[in-house]
Amino acid sequence: MNYHIQVFAGLAELMGRPMITVPADQETMTVNALKDLLSQYFPEAAAQLQGAFVARNQAYVAPEDLVSIHDEIAIIPPVSGG
């Protein structure tokens, strides 16, 4: 099973591409578990991942919410500026 995840801004730069695919043993997992899994594959992005927002099917979700391999998943790092 694979999770297909779109990443933006600095995360896309750190991960080397805007769309990533990561294998997983579970069809569903919490947002926090997904961030932990991604941190294993992309340790250089771990700090940004922990502070990033996650959207499932174009709606933001909480860290304890579930995501599925069938969902459209996007990870958006915090934005600063004015």
Protein backbone atom coordinates (compact mmCIF):
# COMPACT_ATOMS: atom_id res chain seq x y z
CA MET A 1 0.00 0.00 0.00
CA ASN A 2 1.19 3.49 -0.80
CA TYR A 3 0.29 6.96 0.37
CA HIS A 4 0.47 9.64 -2.34
CA ILE A 5 1.09 13.04 -0.80
CA GLN A 6 1.43 16.50 -2.30
CA VAL A 7 3.88 18.76 -0.48
CA PHE A 8 4.42 22.49 -0.88
CA ALA A 9 7.00 25.25 -0.51
CA GLY A 10 10.06 24.41 1.58
CA LEU A 11 8.91 20.84 2.12
CA ALA A 12 8.88 20.19 -1.62
CA GLU A 13 12.40 21.59 -1.82
CA LEU A 14 13.65 19.46 1.08
CA MET A 15 12.02 16.32 -0.30
CA GLY A 16 13.17 17.01 -3.85
CA ARG A 17 9.75 16.93 -5.49
CA PRO A 18 6.18 18.20 -5.02
CA MET A 19 4.51 14.76 -5.04
CA ILE A 20 5.82 11.91 -2.93
CA THR A 21 4.80 8.29 -2.54
CA VAL A 22 5.59 6.33 0.60
CA PRO A 23 4.81 2.68 1.31
CA ALA A 24 2.95 1.75 4.49
CA ASP A 25 1.60 -1.38 6.13
CA GLN A 26 -1.69 0.28 7.08
CA GLU A 27 -4.50 1.50 4.87
CA THR A 28 -5.39 4.19 7.43
CA MET A 29 -3.34 6.02 10.04
CA THR A 30 -3.49 9.21 12.07
CA VAL A 31 -2.07 12.43 10.71
CA ASN A 32 0.64 12.28 13.40
CA ALA A 33 1.56 8.73 12.39
CA LEU A 34 1.81 9.82 8.75
CA LYS A 35 4.11 12.71 9.72
CA ASP A 36 6.27 10.26 11.70
CA LEU A 37 6.42 7.89 8.73
CA LEU A 38 7.44 10.71 6.40
CA SER A 39 10.10 11.82 8.89
CA GLN A 40 11.66 8.36 8.65
CA TYR A 41 11.90 8.62 4.85
CA PHE A 42 12.87 12.31 4.84
CA PRO A 43 14.77 13.04 8.08
CA GLU A 44 15.97 16.38 6.71
CA ALA A 45 12.33 17.51 6.60
CA ALA A 46 11.31 16.19 10.04
CA ALA A 47 11.26 19.57 11.80
CA GLN A 48 9.12 21.20 9.10
CA LEU A 49 6.79 18.21 8.95
CA GLN A 50 5.98 18.43 12.64
CA GLY A 51 4.76 22.02 12.31
CA ALA A 52 3.00 21.55 8.98
CA PHE A 53 -0.74 21.52 8.31
CA VAL A 54 -2.34 18.50 6.68
CA ALA A 55 -5.34 18.55 4.37
CA ARG A 56 -7.42 15.49 3.52
CA ASN A 57 -9.62 15.80 0.44
CA GLN A 58 -9.11 19.59 0.44
CA ALA A 59 -10.05 20.17 4.10
CA TYR A 60 -7.65 20.65 7.01
CA VAL A 61 -7.55 17.82 9.54
CA ALA A 62 -6.38 17.54 13.14
CA PRO A 63 -3.31 15.51 14.20
CA GLU A 64 -5.50 12.74 15.65
CA ASP A 65 -7.71 12.43 12.54
CA LEU A 66 -7.32 9.48 10.20
CA VAL A 67 -6.07 9.59 6.62
CA SER A 68 -6.34 6.75 4.11
CA ILE A 69 -4.42 5.60 1.06
CA HIS A 70 -7.57 6.56 -0.89
CA ASP A 71 -7.52 10.19 0.31
CA GLU A 72 -6.07 13.19 -1.46
CA ILE A 73 -3.44 14.29 1.06
CA ALA A 74 -1.55 17.58 1.06
CA ILE A 75 1.00 18.85 3.55
CA ILE A 76 1.42 22.60 3.82
CA PRO A 77 4.21 24.14 5.90
CA PRO A 78 3.42 27.20 8.03
CA VAL A 79 3.54 30.47 6.12
CA SER A 80 5.09 33.61 7.54
CA GLY A 81 5.19 37.14 6.32
CA GLY A 82 2.85 40.03 6.13
